[in-house]
């Protein structure tokens, strides 16, 4: 998550405020756009927004994050 440029608060916000979609292997996923306007940690290019894509499992007592992908765009 950190290496790709997402914050913990963005991941939590994406899971809590976005409609869940079914992903592969019984998992769920969400995608949420966030304003950005600064250099990405990946290539140091300034992008207007970033999309945080979270894949997770909804377990009986907790949500388990499997992976977080981040896409940058203008």
Protein backbone atom coordinates (compact mmCIF):
# COMPACT_ATOMS: atom_id res chain seq x y z
CA UNK A 1 0.00 0.00 0.00
CA UNK A 2 2.67 2.47 1.03
CA UNK A 3 4.99 1.65 -1.90
CA UNK A 4 2.16 2.22 -4.37
CA UNK A 5 1.16 5.55 -2.83
CA UNK A 6 -2.11 4.83 -1.01
CA UNK A 7 -2.76 5.82 2.58
CA UNK A 8 -4.51 3.73 5.20
CA UNK A 9 -7.27 6.35 5.50
CA UNK A 10 -7.91 6.20 1.73
CA UNK A 11 -8.21 2.42 1.84
CA UNK A 12 -10.62 2.58 4.78
CA UNK A 13 -12.65 5.33 3.11
CA UNK A 14 -12.85 3.38 -0.15
CA UNK A 15 -14.11 0.22 1.59
CA UNK A 16 -16.58 2.06 3.83
CA UNK A 17 -18.07 4.49 1.27
CA UNK A 18 -18.02 2.69 -2.08
CA UNK A 19 -20.36 -0.06 -3.30
CA UNK A 20 -18.64 -3.45 -3.15
CA UNK A 21 -18.22 -5.44 -6.35
CA UNK A 22 -17.58 -9.17 -6.57
CA UNK A 23 -13.97 -10.06 -7.40
CA UNK A 24 -12.32 -13.38 -8.21
CA UNK A 25 -12.06 -16.27 -5.74
CA UNK A 26 -14.82 -15.08 -3.44
CA UNK A 27 -13.23 -11.72 -2.74
CA UNK A 28 -14.70 -8.21 -3.06
CA UNK A 29 -13.28 -5.06 -4.60
CA UNK A 30 -13.83 -1.31 -4.60
CA UNK A 31 -12.33 1.56 -6.58
CA UNK A 32 -12.39 5.17 -5.44
CA UNK A 33 -10.91 8.30 -7.02
CA UNK A 34 -9.11 10.84 -4.87
CA UNK A 35 -7.85 14.29 -5.90
CA UNK A 36 -4.07 14.23 -6.00
CA UNK A 37 -2.22 17.13 -7.72
CA UNK A 38 1.32 16.14 -6.74
CA UNK A 39 4.16 13.92 -7.97
CA UNK A 40 3.49 10.19 -7.80
CA UNK A 41 5.92 8.07 -5.79
CA UNK A 42 6.23 5.77 -8.79
CA UNK A 43 7.61 8.07 -11.49
CA UNK A 44 7.60 11.56 -9.94
CA UNK A 45 5.07 12.83 -12.53
CA UNK A 46 2.33 15.18 -11.28
CA UNK A 47 -1.17 13.71 -11.65
CA UNK A 48 -4.56 15.32 -10.99
CA UNK A 49 -6.09 12.26 -9.33
CA UNK A 50 -5.36 8.73 -8.20
CA UNK A 51 -7.63 5.72 -8.07
CA UNK A 52 -7.29 3.40 -5.10
CA UNK A 53 -8.36 -0.17 -5.98
CA UNK A 54 -8.79 -2.42 -2.94
CA UNK A 55 -9.29 -6.19 -3.07
CA UNK A 56 -10.45 -7.70 0.20
CA UNK A 57 -12.23 -10.54 1.96
CA UNK A 58 -15.30 -9.90 4.11
CA UNK A 59 -14.76 -12.24 7.05
CA UNK A 60 -17.33 -12.68 9.86
CA UNK A 61 -15.45 -10.47 12.33
CA UNK A 62 -13.26 -8.28 10.08
CA UNK A 63 -12.45 -7.06 6.60
CA UNK A 64 -9.11 -8.50 5.44
CA UNK A 65 -7.27 -6.43 2.83
CA UNK A 66 -5.65 -8.70 0.24
CA UNK A 67 -4.00 -6.07 -1.95
CA UNK A 68 -4.16 -2.39 -2.84
CA UNK A 69 -3.49 -1.12 -6.34
CA UNK A 70 -3.09 2.57 -7.21
CA UNK A 71 -3.61 4.16 -10.62
CA UNK A 72 -2.64 7.75 -11.41
CA UNK A 73 -4.29 9.92 -14.04
CA UNK A 74 -5.08 13.41 -15.32
